Every structure is written in C-alpha cells, then in structure tokens.
C-alpha cells in the first residue's frame, strides 16, 4: 500500500493512478488517512466494485442473512393463492 498526501497527488497524480494496478494508494490530509484510490479489476462492473467496499451494503447483506425465512411449503401456498404466481409440484 502506497501512502501519499492529497497535495502530492494533486501535483503528480498520474504515477499514483498507475500504482493502483499493483496496490491501493492511501491519501493523507494533515498526516491522517483521508481516502483510498483503488483499481477496479477487469471484468468487474462499477456497481460491483462499489458494493464490495461499501460498509452499508455489507451490513444489508449481513442483516438479510440473519433474517428468518419462511418454509417452502408456506411460500408455495402464498404464491398459489395469487394469480400472478404459479408453482408446479416437483
């Protein structure tokens, strides 16, 4: 991980953008970590890259994993009572 000041990046940004292909670049402001510049790997969509690093998104996934689901038989009964859903046996 490379660490640079925001001022250094403003003055000489291109080499640090290139550096992200090898490792993350941490910006500091007044000597304290401020932001991270990170490359998005080839084949990864922007939304995927954002969600991968989003604490809010990770928390939402964790919350959903902790939720109690409903039994499959109950779900089938519900769907069969609504005309827009049809569940076939098997």
PDB file of N, CA and C in Angstrom:
ATOM      1  N   UNK A   1       0.850  -1.168   0.000  1.00  0.00           N
ATOM      2  CA  UNK A   1       0.000   0.000   0.000  1.00  0.00           C
ATOM      3  C   UNK A   1       0.894   1.229   0.000  1.00  0.00           C
ATOM      4  N   UNK A   2       0.591   2.129  -0.895  1.00  0.00           N
ATOM      5  CA  UNK A   2       1.340   3.376  -1.027  1.00  0.00           C
ATOM      6  C   UNK A   2       0.565   4.473  -0.300  1.00  0.00           C
ATOM      7  N   UNK A   3       1.260   5.330   0.422  1.00  0.00           N
ATOM      8  CA  UNK A   3       0.617   6.436   1.139  1.00  0.00           C
ATOM      9  C   UNK A   3       1.200   7.753   0.651  1.00  0.00           C
ATOM     10  N   UNK A   4       0.307   8.660   0.250  1.00  0.00           N
ATOM     11  CA  UNK A   4       0.742   9.978  -0.226  1.00  0.00           C
ATOM     12  C   UNK A   4      -0.203  11.041   0.308  1.00  0.00           C
ATOM     13  N   UNK A   5       0.259  12.276   0.288  1.00  0.00           N
ATOM     14  CA  UNK A   5      -0.606  13.383   0.702  1.00  0.00           C
ATOM     15  C   UNK A   5      -1.514  13.781  -0.459  1.00  0.00           C
ATOM     16  N   UNK A   6      -2.624  14.413  -0.130  1.00  0.00           N
ATOM     17  CA  UNK A   6      -3.535  14.901  -1.160  1.00  0.00           C
ATOM     18  C   UNK A   6      -2.793  15.903  -2.051  1.00  0.00           C
ATOM     19  N   UNK A   7      -1.979  16.747  -1.440  1.00  0.00           N
ATOM     20  CA  UNK A   7      -1.197  17.736  -2.206  1.00  0.00           C
ATOM     21  C   UNK A   7      -0.247  17.075  -3.196  1.00  0.00           C
ATOM     22  N   UNK A   8       0.404  16.009  -2.773  1.00  0.00           N
ATOM     23  CA  UNK A   8       1.313  15.272  -3.666  1.00  0.00           C
ATOM     24  C   UNK A   8       0.535  14.687  -4.843  1.00  0.00           C
ATOM     25  N   UNK A   9      -0.644  14.173  -4.582  1.00  0.00           N
ATOM     26  CA  UNK A   9      -1.457  13.622  -5.663  1.00  0.00           C
ATOM     27  C   UNK A   9      -1.885  14.720  -6.638  1.00  0.00           C
ATOM     28  N   UNK A  10      -2.264  15.868  -6.109  1.00  0.00           N
ATOM     29  CA  UNK A  10      -2.660  16.981  -6.980  1.00  0.00           C
ATOM     30  C   UNK A  10      -1.503  17.380  -7.900  1.00  0.00           C
ATOM     31  N   UNK A  11      -0.306  17.366  -7.354  1.00  0.00           N
ATOM     32  CA  UNK A  11       0.860  17.797  -8.122  1.00  0.00           C
ATOM     33  C   UNK A  11       1.348  16.738  -9.103  1.00  0.00           C
ATOM     34  N   UNK A  12       1.269  15.469  -8.717  1.00  0.00           N
ATOM     35  CA  UNK A  12       1.855  14.387  -9.523  1.00  0.00           C
ATOM     36  C   UNK A  12       0.943  13.155  -9.511  1.00  0.00           C
ATOM     37  N   UNK A  13      -0.277  13.305  -9.960  1.00  0.00           N
ATOM     38  CA  UNK A  13      -1.256  12.232  -9.844  1.00  0.00           C
ATOM     39  C   UNK A  13      -1.058  11.012 -10.713  1.00  0.00           C
ATOM     40  N   UNK A  14      -0.609  11.187 -11.944  1.00  0.00           N
ATOM     41  CA  UNK A  14      -0.553  10.061 -12.880  1.00  0.00           C
ATOM     42  C   UNK A  14       0.216   8.837 -12.386  1.00  0.00           C
ATOM     43  N   UNK A  15       1.407   8.994 -11.825  1.00  0.00           N
ATOM     44  CA  UNK A  15       2.114   7.796 -11.358  1.00  0.00           C
ATOM     45  C   UNK A  15       1.335   7.036 -10.270  1.00  0.00           C
ATOM     46  N   UNK A  16       0.563   7.758  -9.480  1.00  0.00           N
ATOM     47  CA  UNK A  16      -0.187   7.109  -8.406  1.00  0.00           C
ATOM     48  C   UNK A  16      -1.416   6.374  -8.946  1.00  0.00           C
ATOM     49  N   UNK A  17      -1.997   6.913 -10.000  1.00  0.00           N
ATOM     50  CA  UNK A  17      -3.095   6.196 -10.651  1.00  0.00           C
ATOM     51  C   UNK A  17      -2.547   4.889 -11.223  1.00  0.00           C
ATOM     52  N   UNK A  18      -1.400   4.939 -11.853  1.00  0.00           N
ATOM     53  CA  UNK A  18      -0.769   3.724 -12.388  1.00  0.00           C
ATOM     54  C   UNK A  18      -0.428   2.745 -11.266  1.00  0.00           C
ATOM     55  N   UNK A  19      -0.044   3.250 -10.123  1.00  0.00           N
ATOM     56  CA  UNK A  19       0.313   2.412  -8.966  1.00  0.00           C
ATOM     57  C   UNK A  19      -0.855   1.531  -8.521  1.00  0.00           C
ATOM     58  N   UNK A  20      -2.092   1.985  -8.758  1.00  0.00           N
ATOM     59  CA  UNK A  20      -3.255   1.210  -8.301  1.00  0.00           C
ATOM     60  C   UNK A  20      -3.360  -0.143  -8.992  1.00  0.00           C
ATOM     61  N   UNK A  21      -2.684  -0.312 -10.127  1.00  0.00           N
ATOM     62  CA  UNK A  21      -2.706  -1.628 -10.772  1.00  0.00           C
ATOM     63  C   UNK A  21      -1.932  -2.650  -9.945  1.00  0.00           C
ATOM     64  N   UNK A  22      -1.074  -2.173  -9.042  1.00  0.00           N
ATOM     65  CA  UNK A  22      -0.284  -3.063  -8.179  1.00  0.00           C
ATOM     66  C   UNK A  22      -0.815  -3.108  -6.758  1.00  0.00           C
ATOM     67  N   UNK A  23      -1.289  -1.964  -6.269  1.00  0.00           N
ATOM     68  CA  UNK A  23      -1.709  -1.880  -4.861  1.00  0.00           C
ATOM     69  C   UNK A  23      -2.572  -0.641  -4.662  1.00  0.00           C
ATOM     70  N   UNK A  24      -3.269  -0.599  -3.547  1.00  0.00           N
ATOM     71  CA  UNK A  24      -4.082   0.561  -3.210  1.00  0.00           C
ATOM     72  C   UNK A  24      -3.185   1.754  -2.859  1.00  0.00           C
ATOM     73  N   UNK A  25      -3.703   2.950  -3.082  1.00  0.00           N
ATOM     74  CA  UNK A  25      -2.992   4.178  -2.723  1.00  0.00           C
ATOM     75  C   UNK A  25      -3.831   4.897  -1.669  1.00  0.00           C
ATOM     76  N   UNK A  26      -3.220   5.175  -0.512  1.00  0.00           N
ATOM     77  CA  UNK A  26      -3.907   5.854   0.580  1.00  0.00           C
ATOM     78  C   UNK A  26      -3.514   7.324   0.559  1.00  0.00           C
ATOM     79  N   UNK A  27      -4.522   8.193   0.526  1.00  0.00           N
ATOM     80  CA  UNK A  27      -4.276   9.626   0.599  1.00  0.00           C
ATOM     81  C   UNK A  27      -4.313  10.050   2.054  1.00  0.00           C
ATOM     82  N   UNK A  28      -3.437  10.972   2.390  1.00  0.00           N
ATOM     83  CA  UNK A  28      -3.468  11.543   3.737  1.00  0.00           C
ATOM     84  C   UNK A  28      -3.728  13.038   3.623  1.00  0.00           C
ATOM     85  N   UNK A  29      -4.350  13.565   4.642  1.00  0.00           N
ATOM     86  CA  UNK A  29      -4.552  15.002   4.741  1.00  0.00           C
ATOM     87  C   UNK A  29      -4.194  15.383   6.169  1.00  0.00           C
ATOM     88  N   UNK A  30      -3.290  16.315   6.301  1.00  0.00           N
ATOM     89  CA  UNK A  30      -2.752  16.686   7.615  1.00  0.00           C
ATOM     90  C   UNK A  30      -2.174  15.477   8.331  1.00  0.00           C
ATOM     91  N   UNK A  31      -1.559  14.577   7.549  1.00  0.00           N
ATOM     92  CA  UNK A  31      -0.899  13.411   8.123  1.00  0.00           C
ATOM     93  C   UNK A  31      -1.816  12.266   8.519  1.00  0.00           C
ATOM     94  N   UNK A  32      -3.117  12.414   8.271  1.00  0.00           N
ATOM     95  CA  UNK A  32      -4.072  11.370   8.659  1.00  0.00           C
ATOM     96  C   UNK A  32      -4.691  10.734   7.421  1.00  0.00           C
ATOM     97  N   UNK A  33      -4.971   9.429   7.448  1.00  0.00           N
ATOM     98  CA  UNK A  33      -5.615   8.786   6.297  1.00  0.00           C
ATOM     99  C   UNK A  33      -6.914   9.498   5.958  1.00  0.00           C
ATOM    100  N   UNK A  34      -7.135   9.714   4.653  1.00  0.00           N
ATOM    101  CA  UNK A  34      -8.281  10.505   4.199  1.00  0.00           C
ATOM    102  C   UNK A  34      -9.139   9.739   3.184  1.00  0.00           C
ATOM    103  N   UNK A  35      -8.484   9.050   2.251  1.00  0.00           N
ATOM    104  CA  UNK A  35      -9.209   8.329   1.200  1.00  0.00           C
ATOM    105  C   UNK A  35      -8.309   7.243   0.628  1.00  0.00           C
ATOM    106  N   UNK A  36      -8.918   6.329  -0.119  1.00  0.00           N
ATOM    107  CA  UNK A  36      -8.172   5.262  -0.777  1.00  0.00           C
ATOM    108  C   UNK A  36      -8.481   5.293  -2.266  1.00  0.00           C
ATOM    109  N   UNK A  37      -7.450   5.198  -3.080  1.00  0.00           N
ATOM    110  CA  UNK A  37      -7.597   5.066  -4.521  1.00  0.00           C
ATOM    111  C   UNK A  37      -7.335   3.601  -4.847  1.00  0.00           C
ATOM    112  N   UNK A  38      -8.289   2.988  -5.488  1.00  0.00           N
ATOM    113  CA  UNK A  38      -8.235   1.549  -5.708  1.00  0.00           C
ATOM    114  C   UNK A  38      -8.620   1.265  -7.157  1.00  0.00           C
ATOM    115  N   UNK A  39      -7.886   0.382  -7.813  1.00  0.00           N
ATOM    116  CA  UNK A  39      -8.219  -0.004  -9.183  1.00  0.00           C
ATOM    117  C   UNK A  39      -9.435  -0.915  -9.173  1.00  0.00           C
ATOM    118  N   UNK A  40     -10.235  -0.840 -10.236  1.00  0.00           N
ATOM    119  CA  UNK A  40     -11.349  -1.768 -10.414  1.00  0.00           C
ATOM    120  C   UNK A  40     -10.849  -2.853 -11.361  1.00  0.00           C
ATOM    121  N   UNK A  41     -10.801  -4.100 -10.884  1.00  0.00           N
ATOM    122  CA  UNK A  41     -10.274  -5.182 -11.732  1.00  0.00           C
ATOM    123  C   UNK A  41     -11.070  -5.337 -13.029  1.00  0.00           C
ATOM    124  N   UNK A  42     -10.394  -5.774 -14.077  1.00  0.00           N
ATOM    125  CA  UNK A  42     -11.055  -6.006 -15.357  1.00  0.00           C
ATOM    126  C   UNK A  42     -12.189  -7.011 -15.163  1.00  0.00           C
ATOM    127  N   UNK A  43     -13.299  -6.742 -15.829  1.00  0.00           N
ATOM    128  CA  UNK A  43     -14.441  -7.647 -15.749  1.00  0.00           C
ATOM    129  C   UNK A  43     -15.389  -7.356 -14.603  1.00  0.00           C
ATOM    130  N   UNK A  44     -15.029  -6.437 -13.712  1.00  0.00           N
ATOM    131  CA  UNK A  44     -15.894  -6.077 -12.580  1.00  0.00           C
ATOM    132  C   UNK A  44     -16.661  -4.813 -12.951  1.00  0.00           C
ATOM    133  N   UNK A  45     -17.971  -4.855 -12.781  1.00  0.00           N
ATOM    134  CA  UNK A  45     -18.778  -3.673 -13.066  1.00  0.00           C
ATOM    135  C   UNK A  45     -18.628  -2.661 -11.929  1.00  0.00           C
ATOM    136  N   UNK A  46     -18.842  -1.415 -12.252  1.00  0.00           N
ATOM    137  CA  UNK A  46     -18.692  -0.339 -11.273  1.00  0.00           C
ATOM    138  C   UNK A  46     -19.540  -0.591 -10.032  1.00  0.00           C
ATOM    139  N   UNK A  47     -20.806  -1.013 -10.225  1.00  0.00           N
ATOM    140  CA  UNK A  47     -21.689  -1.254  -9.080  1.00  0.00           C
ATOM    141  C   UNK A  47     -21.113  -2.342  -8.172  1.00  0.00           C
ATOM    142  N   UNK A  48     -20.546  -3.374  -8.781  1.00  0.00           N
ATOM    143  CA  UNK A  48     -19.949  -4.460  -8.000  1.00  0.00           C
ATOM    144  C   UNK A  48     -18.765  -3.984  -7.183  1.00  0.00           C
ATOM    145  N   UNK A  49     -17.943  -3.144  -7.790  1.00  0.00           N
ATOM    146  CA  UNK A  49     -16.782  -2.612  -7.079  1.00  0.00           C
ATOM    147  C   UNK A  49     -17.226  -1.729  -5.928  1.00  0.00           C
ATOM    148  N   UNK A  50     -18.248  -0.928  -6.147  1.00  0.00           N
ATOM    149  CA  UNK A  50     -18.741  -0.053  -5.080  1.00  0.00           C
ATOM    150  C   UNK A  50     -19.321  -0.890  -3.942  1.00  0.00           C
ATOM    151  N   UNK A  51     -20.168  -1.840  -4.271  1.00  0.00           N
ATOM    152  CA  UNK A  51     -20.808  -2.652  -3.237  1.00  0.00           C
ATOM    153  C   UNK A  51     -19.801  -3.483  -2.458  1.00  0.00           C
ATOM    154  N   UNK A  52     -18.745  -3.891  -3.120  1.00  0.00           N
ATOM    155  CA  UNK A  52     -17.713  -4.696  -2.468  1.00  0.00           C
ATOM    156  C   UNK A  52     -17.053  -3.944  -1.313  1.00  0.00           C
ATOM    157  N   UNK A  53     -16.967  -2.627  -1.432  1.00  0.00           N
ATOM    158  CA  UNK A  53     -16.278  -1.833  -0.409  1.00  0.00           C
ATOM    159  C   UNK A  53     -17.230  -1.022   0.466  1.00  0.00           C
ATOM    160  N   UNK A  54     -18.514  -1.160   0.245  1.00  0.00           N
ATOM    161  CA  UNK A  54     -19.495  -0.354   0.974  1.00  0.00           C
ATOM    162  C   UNK A  54     -19.889  -1.012   2.294  1.00  0.00           C
ATOM    163  N   UNK A  55     -19.603  -0.343   3.401  1.00  0.00           N
ATOM    164  CA  UNK A  55     -19.987  -0.871   4.721  1.00  0.00           C
ATOM    165  C   UNK A  55     -21.504  -0.992   4.821  1.00  0.00           C
ATOM    166  N   UNK A  56     -22.218  -0.048   4.244  1.00  0.00           N
ATOM    167  CA  UNK A  56     -23.684  -0.085   4.272  1.00  0.00           C
ATOM    168  C   UNK A  56     -24.216  -1.314   3.525  1.00  0.00           C
ATOM    169  N   UNK A  57     -23.636  -1.593   2.357  1.00  0.00           N
ATOM    170  CA  UNK A  57     -24.068  -2.753   1.575  1.00  0.00           C
ATOM    171  C   UNK A  57     -23.745  -4.051   2.313  1.00  0.00           C
ATOM    172  N   UNK A  58     -22.537  -4.146   2.879  1.00  0.00           N
ATOM    173  CA  UNK A  58     -22.164  -5.356   3.634  1.00  0.00           C
ATOM    174  C   UNK A  58     -23.093  -5.573   4.817  1.00  0.00           C
ATOM    175  N   UNK A  59     -23.483  -4.496   5.485  1.00  0.00           N
ATOM    176  CA  UNK A  59     -24.409  -4.602   6.616  1.00  0.00           C
ATOM    177  C   UNK A  59     -25.777  -5.083   6.149  1.00  0.00           C
ATOM    178  N   UNK A  60     -26.237  -4.569   5.004  1.00  0.00           N
ATOM    179  CA  UNK A  60     -27.520  -5.004   4.466  1.00  0.00           C
ATOM    180  C   UNK A  60     -27.496  -6.507   4.162  1.00  0.00           C
ATOM    181  N   UNK A  61     -26.414  -6.989   3.570  1.00  0.00           N
ATOM    182  CA  UNK A  61     -26.284  -8.422   3.278  1.00  0.00           C
ATOM    183  C   UNK A  61     -26.283  -9.222   4.578  1.00  0.00           C
ATOM    184  N   UNK A  62     -25.526  -8.768   5.565  1.00  0.00           N
ATOM    185  CA  UNK A  62     -25.485  -9.466   6.851  1.00  0.00           C
ATOM    186  C   UNK A  62     -26.867  -9.504   7.499  1.00  0.00           C
ATOM    187  N   UNK A  63     -27.592  -8.395   7.466  1.00  0.00           N
ATOM    188  CA  UNK A  63     -28.948  -8.354   8.029  1.00  0.00           C
ATOM    189  C   UNK A  63     -29.853  -9.362   7.341  1.00  0.00           C
ATOM    190  N   UNK A  64     -29.765  -9.435   6.001  1.00  0.00           N
ATOM    191  CA  UNK A  64     -30.620 -10.379   5.263  1.00  0.00           C
ATOM    192  C   UNK A  64     -30.275 -11.823   5.614  1.00  0.00           C
ATOM    193  N   UNK A  65     -29.008 -12.091   5.813  1.00  0.00           N
ATOM    194  CA  UNK A  65     -28.589 -13.453   6.161  1.00  0.00           C
ATOM    195  C   UNK A  65     -29.094 -13.864   7.534  1.00  0.00           C
ATOM    196  N   UNK A  66     -29.280 -12.888   8.410  1.00  0.00           N
ATOM    197  CA  UNK A  66     -29.745 -13.184   9.760  1.00  0.00           C
ATOM    198  C   UNK A  66     -31.264 -13.274   9.856  1.00  0.00           C
ATOM    199  N   UNK A  67     -31.969 -12.812   8.814  1.00  0.00           N
ATOM    200  CA  UNK A  67     -33.427 -12.872   8.840  1.00  0.00           C
ATOM    201  C   UNK A  67     -33.905 -14.322   8.783  1.00  0.00           C
ATOM    202  N   UNK A  68     -35.003 -14.560   9.455  1.00  0.00           N
ATOM    203  CA  UNK A  68     -35.601 -15.885   9.406  1.00  0.00           C
ATOM    204  C   UNK A  68     -36.473 -15.954   8.159  1.00  0.00           C
ATOM    205  N   UNK A  69     -36.254 -16.966   7.345  1.00  0.00           N
ATOM    206  CA  UNK A  69     -37.051 -17.145   6.138  1.00  0.00           C
ATOM    207  C   UNK A  69     -38.366 -17.844   6.463  1.00  0.00           C
ATOM    208  N   UNK A  70     -39.169 -18.059   5.438  1.00  0.00           N
ATOM    209  CA  UNK A  70     -40.409 -18.809   5.645  1.00  0.00           C
ATOM    210  C   UNK A  70     -40.243 -20.182   5.010  1.00  0.00           C
ATOM    211  N   UNK A  71     -40.903 -21.187   5.552  1.00  0.00           N
ATOM    212  CA  UNK A  71     -40.788 -22.527   4.978  1.00  0.00           C
ATOM    213  C   UNK A  71     -41.285 -22.559   3.526  1.00  0.00           C
ATOM    214  N   UNK A  72     -40.677 -23.404   2.711  1.00  0.00           N
ATOM    215  CA  UNK A  72     -41.009 -23.506   1.308  1.00  0.00           C
ATOM    216  C   UNK A  72     -42.491 -23.825   1.096  1.00  0.00           C
ATOM    217  N   UNK A  73     -43.053 -24.719   1.879  1.00  0.00           N
ATOM    218  CA  UNK A  73     -44.465 -25.071   1.716  1.00  0.00           C
ATOM    219  C   UNK A  73     -45.360 -23.850   1.926  1.00  0.00           C
ATOM    220  N   UNK A  74     -45.023 -23.021   2.889  1.00  0.00           N
ATOM    221  CA  UNK A  74     -45.799 -21.802   3.134  1.00  0.00           C
ATOM    222  C   UNK A  74     -45.669 -20.834   1.961  1.00  0.00           C
ATOM    223  N   UNK A  75     -44.468 -20.697   1.420  1.00  0.00           N
ATOM    224  CA  UNK A  75     -44.251 -19.821   0.267  1.00  0.00           C
ATOM    225  C   UNK A  75     -45.056 -20.316  -0.930  1.00  0.00           C
ATOM    226  N   UNK A  76     -45.057 -21.625  -1.171  1.00  0.00           N
ATOM    227  CA  UNK A  76     -45.836 -22.166  -2.293  1.00  0.00           C
ATOM    228  C   UNK A  76     -47.329 -21.892  -2.109  1.00  0.00           C
ATOM    229  N   UNK A  77     -47.853 -22.069  -0.883  1.00  0.00           N
ATOM    230  CA  UNK A  77     -49.269 -21.778  -0.626  1.00  0.00           C
ATOM    231  C   UNK A  77     -49.586 -20.324  -0.937  1.00  0.00           C
ATOM    232  N   UNK A  78     -48.718 -19.418  -0.501  1.00  0.00           N
ATOM    233  CA  UNK A  78     -48.945 -17.998  -0.743  1.00  0.00           C
ATOM    234  C   UNK A  78     -48.943 -17.703  -2.248  1.00  0.00           C
ATOM    235  N   UNK A  79     -47.941 -18.232  -2.944  1.00  0.00           N
ATOM    236  CA  UNK A  79     -47.844 -17.960  -4.378  1.00  0.00           C
ATOM    237  C   UNK A  79     -49.024 -18.559  -5.144  1.00  0.00           C
ATOM    238  N   UNK A  80     -49.516 -19.707  -4.716  1.00  0.00           N
ATOM    239  CA  UNK A  80     -50.635 -20.340  -5.405  1.00  0.00           C
ATOM    240  C   UNK A  80     -51.952 -19.614  -5.157  1.00  0.00           C
ATOM    241  N   UNK A  81     -52.022 -18.769  -4.143  1.00  0.00           N
ATOM    242  CA  UNK A  81     -53.243 -18.002  -3.892  1.00  0.00           C
ATOM    243  C   UNK A  81     -53.263 -16.699  -4.687  1.00  0.00           C
ATOM    244  N   UNK A  82     -52.143 -16.355  -5.297  1.00  0.00           N
ATOM    245  CA  UNK A  82     -52.056 -15.139  -6.106  1.00  0.00           C
ATOM    246  C   UNK A  82     -51.949 -15.540  -7.578  1.00  0.00           C
ATOM    247  N   UNK A  83     -52.785 -14.989  -8.402  1.00  0.00           N
ATOM    248  CA  UNK A  83     -52.871 -15.384  -9.813  1.00  0.00           C
ATOM    249  C   UNK A  83     -51.566 -15.171 -10.584  1.00  0.00           C
ATOM    250  N   UNK A  84     -50.743 -14.205 -10.178  1.00  0.00           N
ATOM    251  CA  UNK A  84     -49.531 -13.923 -10.944  1.00  0.00           C
ATOM    252  C   UNK A  84     -48.422 -14.925 -10.651  1.00  0.00           C
ATOM    253  N   UNK A  85     -48.569 -15.757  -9.635  1.00  0.00           N
ATOM    254  CA  UNK A  85     -47.569 -16.770  -9.304  1.00  0.00           C
ATOM    255  C   UNK A  85     -48.175 -18.145  -9.460  1.00  0.00           C
ATOM    256  N   UNK A  86     -47.462 -19.049 -10.107  1.00  0.00           N
ATOM    257  CA  UNK A  86     -47.902 -20.435 -10.222  1.00  0.00           C
ATOM    258  C   UNK A  86     -46.692 -21.293  -9.911  1.00  0.00           C
ATOM    259  N   UNK A  87     -46.814 -22.188  -8.937  1.00  0.00           N
ATOM    260  CA  UNK A  87     -45.741 -23.102  -8.567  1.00  0.00           C
ATOM    261  C   UNK A  87     -46.195 -24.506  -8.896  1.00  0.00           C
ATOM    262  N   UNK A  88     -45.410 -25.173  -9.706  1.00  0.00           N
ATOM    263  CA  UNK A  88     -45.739 -26.556 -10.056  1.00  0.00           C
ATOM    264  C   UNK A  88     -45.013 -27.491  -9.128  1.00  0.00           C
ATOM    265  N   UNK A  89     -45.626 -28.608  -8.823  1.00  0.00           N
ATOM    266  CA  UNK A  89     -45.015 -29.617  -7.947  1.00  0.00           C
ATOM    267  C   UNK A  89     -43.813 -30.210  -8.651  1.00  0.00           C
ATOM    268  N   UNK A  90     -42.847 -30.607  -7.834  1.00  0.00           N
ATOM    269  CA  UNK A  90     -41.714 -31.311  -8.437  1.00  0.00           C
ATOM    270  C   UNK A  90     -40.494 -30.605  -8.233  1.00  0.00           C
TER     271      UNK A  90
END
